[in-house]
C-alpha atoms as a PDB file:
ATOM      1  CA  MET A   1      -7.193 112.271  12.928  1.00  0.00           C
ATOM      2  CA  CYS A   2     -10.302 113.615  11.170  1.00  0.00           C
ATOM      3  CA  TYR A   3     -13.296 111.329  10.741  1.00  0.00           C
ATOM      4  CA  LEU A   4     -15.188 113.590   8.352  1.00  0.00           C
ATOM      5  CA  ASP A   5     -16.832 111.679   5.483  1.00  0.00           C
ATOM      6  CA  PRO A   6     -16.343 113.798   2.311  1.00  0.00           C
ATOM      7  CA  MET A   7     -19.269 111.986   0.647  1.00  0.00           C
ATOM      8  CA  THR A   8     -21.842 113.040   3.241  1.00  0.00           C
ATOM      9  CA  SER A   9     -20.494 116.260   4.757  1.00  0.00           C
ATOM     10  CA  LYS A  10     -21.185 119.757   3.449  1.00  0.00           C
ATOM     11  CA  LEU A  11     -17.956 121.005   4.992  1.00  0.00           C
ATOM     12  CA  ASP A  12     -14.804 121.840   3.061  1.00  0.00           C
ATOM     13  CA  LEU A  13     -11.925 121.155   5.436  1.00  0.00           C
ATOM     14  CA  GLN A  14      -8.386 122.440   4.852  1.00  0.00           C
ATOM     15  CA  PRO A  15      -5.974 121.317   7.604  1.00  0.00           C
ATOM     16  CA  LEU A  16      -3.249 123.869   8.293  1.00  0.00           C
ATOM     17  CA  ASP A  17       0.370 123.096   7.503  1.00  0.00           C
ATOM     18  CA  ALA A  18       1.076 122.774  11.214  1.00  0.00           C
ATOM     19  CA  SER A  19       0.621 120.317  14.065  1.00  0.00           C
ATOM     20  CA  PHE A  20      -2.955 121.525  14.608  1.00  0.00           C
ATOM     21  CA  GLY A  21      -5.679 123.752  13.182  1.00  0.00           C
ATOM     22  CA  ALA A  22      -7.928 123.750  10.119  1.00  0.00           C
ATOM     23  CA  ILE A  23      -9.897 126.148   7.923  1.00  0.00           C
ATOM     24  CA  VAL A  24     -13.547 125.206   7.431  1.00  0.00           C
ATOM     25  CA  ASN A  25     -15.505 126.454   4.414  1.00  0.00           C
ATOM     26  CA  GLY A  26     -18.921 125.590   3.067  1.00  0.00           C
ATOM     27  CA  VAL A  27     -20.954 126.430   6.153  1.00  0.00           C
ATOM     28  CA  ASP A  28     -23.048 129.329   7.442  1.00  0.00           C
ATOM     29  CA  LEU A  29     -22.634 129.231  11.218  1.00  0.00           C
ATOM     30  CA  LYS A  30     -25.949 131.051  11.697  1.00  0.00           C
ATOM     31  CA  THR A  31     -27.934 128.151  10.246  1.00  0.00           C
ATOM     32  CA  VAL A  32     -26.037 125.063  11.436  1.00  0.00           C
ATOM     33  CA  GLY A  33     -28.326 122.167  12.380  1.00  0.00           C
ATOM     34  CA  ASP A  34     -27.580 119.608  15.088  1.00  0.00           C
ATOM     35  CA  HIS A  35     -26.027 117.023  12.765  1.00  0.00           C
ATOM     36  CA  LEU A  36     -23.660 119.520  11.147  1.00  0.00           C
ATOM     37  CA  PHE A  37     -22.777 121.032  14.514  1.00  0.00           C
ATOM     38  CA  ASN A  38     -21.830 117.578  15.791  1.00  0.00           C
ATOM     39  CA  GLU A  39     -19.403 117.332  12.848  1.00  0.00           C
ATOM     40  CA  ILE A  40     -17.985 120.766  13.689  1.00  0.00           C
ATOM     41  CA  TYR A  41     -17.614 119.790  17.339  1.00  0.00           C
ATOM     42  CA  GLN A  42     -15.710 116.635  16.393  1.00  0.00           C
ATOM     43  CA  LEU A  43     -13.482 118.643  14.048  1.00  0.00           C
ATOM     44  CA  TRP A  44     -12.716 120.985  16.944  1.00  0.00           C
ATOM     45  CA  LEU A  45     -11.706 118.030  19.124  1.00  0.00           C
ATOM     46  CA  ASP A  46      -9.576 116.627  16.296  1.00  0.00           C
ATOM     47  CA  HIS A  47      -7.871 119.884  15.223  1.00  0.00           C
ATOM     48  CA  SER A  48      -8.115 122.069  18.378  1.00  0.00           C
ATOM     49  CA  LEU A  49      -8.396 125.281  16.328  1.00  0.00           C
ATOM     50  CA  LEU A  50     -10.976 125.975  13.621  1.00  0.00           C
ATOM     51  CA  THR A  51     -11.193 129.045  11.406  1.00  0.00           C
ATOM     52  CA  PHE A  52     -14.419 129.873   9.541  1.00  0.00           C
ATOM     53  CA  PRO A  53     -13.704 132.592   6.938  1.00  0.00           C
ATOM     54  CA  ARG A  54     -16.247 135.067   5.586  1.00  0.00           C
ATOM     55  CA  GLN A  55     -18.954 134.631   8.218  1.00  0.00           C
ATOM     56  CA  ALA A  56     -21.445 137.506   8.352  1.00  0.00           C
ATOM     57  CA  MET A  57     -22.355 137.177  12.018  1.00  0.00           C
ATOM     58  CA  ARG A  58     -23.876 139.705  14.353  1.00  0.00           C
ATOM     59  CA  GLY A  59     -23.005 139.580  18.038  1.00  0.00           C
ATOM     60  CA  SER A  60     -26.201 137.673  18.810  1.00  0.00           C
ATOM     61  CA  ASP A  61     -25.320 135.094  16.133  1.00  0.00           C
ATOM     62  CA  GLN A  62     -21.892 134.536  17.665  1.00  0.00           C
ATOM     63  CA  ILE A  63     -23.387 134.141  21.138  1.00  0.00           C
ATOM     64  CA  GLN A  64     -25.941 131.617  19.897  1.00  0.00           C
ATOM     65  CA  PHE A  65     -23.229 129.583  18.140  1.00  0.00           C
ATOM     66  CA  ALA A  66     -20.839 129.733  21.121  1.00  0.00           C
ATOM     67  CA  LYS A  67     -23.529 128.532  23.538  1.00  0.00           C
ATOM     68  CA  ARG A  68     -23.750 125.258  21.634  1.00  0.00           C
ATOM     69  CA  PHE A  69     -20.314 124.367  23.024  1.00  0.00           C
ATOM     70  CA  GLY A  70     -21.442 124.935  26.622  1.00  0.00           C
ATOM     71  CA  GLU A  71     -22.162 127.590  29.230  1.00  0.00           C
ATOM     72  CA  LEU A  72     -20.425 130.917  28.572  1.00  0.00           C
ATOM     73  CA  GLU A  73     -18.238 132.852  30.997  1.00  0.00           C
ATOM     74  CA  PHE A  74     -19.622 136.001  29.362  1.00  0.00           C
ATOM     75  CA  ASP A  75     -21.480 136.717  26.140  1.00  0.00           C
ATOM     76  CA  ILE A  76     -19.142 139.027  24.208  1.00  0.00           C
ATOM     77  CA  LYS A  77     -16.255 141.231  25.235  1.00  0.00           C
ATOM     78  CA  SER A  78     -14.672 143.593  22.766  1.00  0.00           C
ATOM     79  CA  VAL A  79     -10.880 143.459  22.450  1.00  0.00           C
ATOM     80  CA  SER A  80     -10.131 146.718  20.705  1.00  0.00           C
ATOM     81  CA  ASN A  81      -8.140 149.930  20.921  1.00  0.00           C
ATOM     82  CA  ILE A  82     -11.156 151.907  19.675  1.00  0.00           C
ATOM     83  CA  ASN A  83     -13.319 153.942  22.058  1.00  0.00           C
ATOM     84  CA  LYS A  84     -17.119 153.853  21.880  1.00  0.00           C
ATOM     85  CA  ASP A  85     -17.075 157.233  20.101  1.00  0.00           C
ATOM     86  CA  GLY A  86     -14.801 155.838  17.361  1.00  0.00           C
ATOM     87  CA  SER A  87     -11.615 157.531  18.535  1.00  0.00           C
ATOM     88  CA  ILE A  88      -8.395 155.570  19.003  1.00  0.00           C
ATOM     89  CA  ARG A  89      -7.142 154.921  22.516  1.00  0.00           C
ATOM     90  CA  SER A  90      -3.689 156.499  22.852  1.00  0.00           C
ATOM     91  CA  ASP A  91      -2.994 157.123  26.580  1.00  0.00           C
ATOM     92  CA  THR A  92      -0.570 154.247  27.157  1.00  0.00           C
ATOM     93  CA  GLU A  93       0.386 155.658  30.574  1.00  0.00           C
ATOM     94  CA  ASN A  94      -3.076 155.725  32.175  1.00  0.00           C
ATOM     95  CA  ASP A  95      -5.456 153.636  30.045  1.00  0.00           C
ATOM     96  CA  ASP A  96      -5.979 150.227  31.685  1.00  0.00           C
ATOM     97  CA  VAL A  97      -7.681 148.879  28.557  1.00  0.00           C
ATOM     98  CA  LEU A  98      -4.556 149.593  26.493  1.00  0.00           C
ATOM     99  CA  LYS A  99      -2.389 148.030  29.181  1.00  0.00           C
ATOM    100  CA  ILE A 100      -4.517 144.866  29.114  1.00  0.00           C
ATOM    101  CA  LEU A 101      -4.211 144.763  25.322  1.00  0.00           C
ATOM    102  CA  GLN A 102      -0.444 145.103  25.590  1.00  0.00           C
ATOM    103  CA  GLY A 103      -0.429 142.237  28.077  1.00  0.00           C
ATOM    104  CA  ASN A 104      -2.481 140.120  25.667  1.00  0.00           C
ATOM    105  CA  MET A 105       0.255 140.548  23.067  1.00  0.00           C
ATOM    106  CA  SER A 106       2.536 138.434  25.242  1.00  0.00           C
ATOM    107  CA  TRP A 107       2.068 134.680  25.578  1.00  0.00           C
ATOM    108  CA  HIS A 108      -0.972 133.904  27.718  1.00  0.00           C
ATOM    109  CA  ALA A 109      -3.597 131.225  28.290  1.00  0.00           C
ATOM    110  CA  ASP A 110      -7.179 132.449  28.496  1.00  0.00           C
ATOM    111  CA  SER A 111      -8.940 131.978  31.836  1.00  0.00           C
ATOM    112  CA  SER A 112      -6.223 129.966  33.557  1.00  0.00           C
ATOM    113  CA  TYR A 113      -6.333 132.681  36.230  1.00  0.00           C
ATOM    114  CA  LEU A 114     -10.074 132.116  36.862  1.00  0.00           C
ATOM    115  CA  PRO A 115     -11.535 129.630  39.390  1.00  0.00           C
ATOM    116  CA  VAL A 116     -12.914 127.488  36.533  1.00  0.00           C
ATOM    117  CA  LEU A 117     -10.853 126.916  33.393  1.00  0.00           C
ATOM    118  CA  SER A 118     -12.492 127.742  30.090  1.00  0.00           C
ATOM    119  CA  LYS A 119     -13.321 124.993  27.630  1.00  0.00           C
ATOM    120  CA  GLY A 120     -12.425 127.162  24.660  1.00  0.00           C
ATOM    121  CA  ALA A 121     -13.096 130.492  23.025  1.00  0.00           C
ATOM    122  CA  VAL A 122     -15.097 131.741  20.046  1.00  0.00           C
ATOM    123  CA  PHE A 123     -13.529 134.819  18.427  1.00  0.00           C
ATOM    124  CA  SER A 124     -14.667 136.996  15.548  1.00  0.00           C
ATOM    125  CA  ALA A 125     -12.864 139.803  13.749  1.00  0.00           C
ATOM    126  CA  LYS A 126     -14.940 142.746  12.518  1.00  0.00           C
ATOM    127  CA  VAL A 127     -12.221 144.843  10.873  1.00  0.00           C
ATOM    128  CA  LEU A 128      -9.154 143.139   9.423  1.00  0.00           C
ATOM    129  CA  ARG A 129      -5.852 144.871   8.748  1.00  0.00           C
ATOM    130  CA  SER A 130      -4.156 144.301   5.401  1.00  0.00           C
ATOM    131  CA  SER A 131      -1.011 143.349   7.345  1.00  0.00           C
ATOM    132  CA  GLY A 132      -0.105 142.818  11.001  1.00  0.00           C
ATOM    133  CA  GLY A 133      -2.541 142.337  13.829  1.00  0.00           C
ATOM    134  CA  GLU A 134      -2.406 138.550  13.744  1.00  0.00           C
ATOM    135  CA  THR A 135      -3.342 136.307  16.637  1.00  0.00           C
ATOM    136  CA  SER A 136      -0.856 133.504  17.136  1.00  0.00           C
ATOM    137  CA  TRP A 137      -1.580 130.076  18.580  1.00  0.00           C
ATOM    138  CA  ALA A 138       0.646 127.419  20.123  1.00  0.00           C
ATOM    139  CA  ASP A 139       0.169 123.651  20.232  1.00  0.00           C
ATOM    140  CA  MET A 140       1.074 122.733  23.798  1.00  0.00           C
ATOM    141  CA  ARG A 141       0.582 119.031  23.049  1.00  0.00           C
ATOM    142  CA  SER A 142       3.387 119.110  20.479  1.00  0.00           C
ATOM    143  CA  ALA A 143       5.538 121.182  22.829  1.00  0.00           C
ATOM    144  CA  TYR A 144       5.096 118.576  25.552  1.00  0.00           C
ATOM    145  CA  ASP A 145       5.696 115.658  23.163  1.00  0.00           C
ATOM    146  CA  ALA A 146       9.017 117.244  22.138  1.00  0.00           C
ATOM    147  CA  LEU A 147      10.330 117.216  25.712  1.00  0.00           C
ATOM    148  CA  ASP A 148      12.815 114.552  26.748  1.00  0.00           C
ATOM    149  CA  PHE A 149      11.801 111.848  29.201  1.00  0.00           C
ATOM    150  CA  ASP A 150      13.643 113.326  32.199  1.00  0.00           C
ATOM    151  CA  THR A 151      12.016 116.731  31.737  1.00  0.00           C
ATOM    152  CA  LYS A 152       8.564 115.153  31.468  1.00  0.00           C
ATOM    153  CA  ARG A 153       9.212 113.207  34.660  1.00  0.00           C
ATOM    154  CA  ASN A 154      10.520 116.284  36.509  1.00  0.00           C
ATOM    155  CA  ILE A 155       7.502 118.446  35.673  1.00  0.00           C
ATOM    156  CA  SER A 156       4.839 115.734  36.010  1.00  0.00           C
ATOM    157  CA  LYS A 157       4.010 116.615  39.636  1.00  0.00           C
ATOM    158  CA  LEU A 158       4.603 120.369  39.492  1.00  0.00           C
ATOM    159  CA  ALA A 159       1.852 122.941  39.896  1.00  0.00           C
ATOM    160  CA  ALA A 160       1.721 126.700  39.359  1.00  0.00           C
ATOM    161  CA  TYR A 161      -0.398 129.704  40.219  1.00  0.00           C
ATOM    162  CA  HIS A 162      -1.537 132.077  37.500  1.00  0.00           C
ATOM    163  CA  SER A 163      -2.600 135.535  38.605  1.00  0.00           C
ATOM    164  CA  LEU A 164      -3.622 138.124  36.021  1.00  0.00           C
ATOM    165  CA  TYR A 165      -2.443 140.798  38.463  1.00  0.00           C
ATOM    166  CA  TYR A 166       1.021 139.230  38.399  1.00  0.00           C
ATOM    167  CA  SER A 167       1.082 138.811  34.618  1.00  0.00           C
ATOM    168  CA  GLN A 168       0.142 142.446  34.128  1.00  0.00           C
ATOM    169  CA  SER A 169       2.614 143.649  36.767  1.00  0.00           C
ATOM    170  CA  LYS A 170       5.457 142.214  34.671  1.00  0.00           C
ATOM    171  CA  LEU A 171       4.601 144.948  32.159  1.00  0.00           C
ATOM    172  CA  GLY A 172       4.496 147.597  34.880  1.00  0.00           C
ATOM    173  CA  HIS A 173       0.696 147.626  35.018  1.00  0.00           C
ATOM    174  CA  SER A 174      -0.871 148.048  38.457  1.00  0.00           C
ATOM    175  CA  HIS A 175      -4.582 147.560  37.875  1.00  0.00           C
ATOM    176  CA  SER A 176      -7.083 149.827  39.631  1.00  0.00           C
ATOM    177  CA  ASN A 177     -10.565 148.815  40.783  1.00  0.00           C
ATOM    178  CA  ARG A 178     -11.733 152.192  39.459  1.00  0.00           C
ATOM    179  CA  SER A 179     -10.625 151.211  35.963  1.00  0.00           C
ATOM    180  CA  ASP A 180     -12.798 151.076  32.837  1.00  0.00           C
ATOM    181  CA  TYR A 181     -11.636 147.455  32.577  1.00  0.00           C
ATOM    182  CA  ASN A 182     -12.890 145.395  35.504  1.00  0.00           C
ATOM    183  CA  GLY A 183     -14.124 141.931  36.352  1.00  0.00           C
ATOM    184  CA  TYR A 184     -12.671 139.252  34.105  1.00  0.00           C
ATOM    185  CA  GLY A 185      -9.471 138.079  35.760  1.00  0.00           C
ATOM    186  CA  PHE A 186      -9.383 140.907  38.300  1.00  0.00           C
ATOM    187  CA  PHE A 187     -11.090 139.816  41.500  1.00  0.00           C
ATOM    188  CA  ASP A 188     -10.298 139.614  45.196  1.00  0.00           C
ATOM    189  CA  GLN A 189      -9.418 135.975  45.733  1.00  0.00           C
ATOM    190  CA  ASP A 190      -6.314 133.847  45.644  1.00  0.00           C
ATOM    191  CA  PRO A 191      -5.172 132.737  42.182  1.00  0.00           C
ATOM    192  CA  PRO A 192      -5.947 129.077  41.387  1.00  0.00           C
ATOM    193  CA  LEU A 193      -3.269 126.400  41.642  1.00  0.00           C
ATOM    194  CA  ARG A 194      -3.080 124.354  38.432  1.00  0.00           C
ATOM    195  CA  PRO A 195      -1.055 121.268  37.537  1.00  0.00           C
ATOM    196  CA  LEU A 196       1.719 122.214  35.137  1.00  0.00           C
ATOM    197  CA  VAL A 197       0.949 119.115  33.037  1.00  0.00           C
ATOM    198  CA  ASP A 198      -2.687 118.224  32.464  1.00  0.00           C
ATOM    199  CA  SER A 199      -4.698 116.311  29.907  1.00  0.00           C
ATOM    200  CA  HIS A 200      -7.707 117.786  28.150  1.00  0.00           C
ATOM    201  CA  PRO A 201     -10.702 115.635  29.148  1.00  0.00           C
END
């Protein structure tokens, strides 16, 4: 349910034709004041996924906006198949960055393999393809609601480990500590045990 008052808000909200998500127009995220941000935050809680088209944001602008949601795991990390010199990464046999990107193309949940779960994520796209390249999202609340009673009862007390090493190994990727891609998700400690069914606070 959205509690946005169309008479007082500057935001143009277009809910997606899905169980969650909305497109938000009529706002420049670089200049959002506290009152408008509170509206955006509530919309995020209501819709779970917000898209803000045509934002001309530098990296520092994105960081400043993201920090309003809470402490960041990291400022910005590029997810790209482009090298710093502008060339395209092509060594699928030996390039750990490409292997990570290939792993990201499968279903995954960000940061569930870290000691502290993330609250959310703030993405931006700098170069958009005319076709392909989409990021897909899944509404786990609707997926859970669609389960029958017996299944819900059977999984209610289950827990699972998520290791990024394990996820990547399913694609044949054995990550090296000498890799160009290190840190995030790759660290020397046991993977966290999470309840299979949990409620967002």
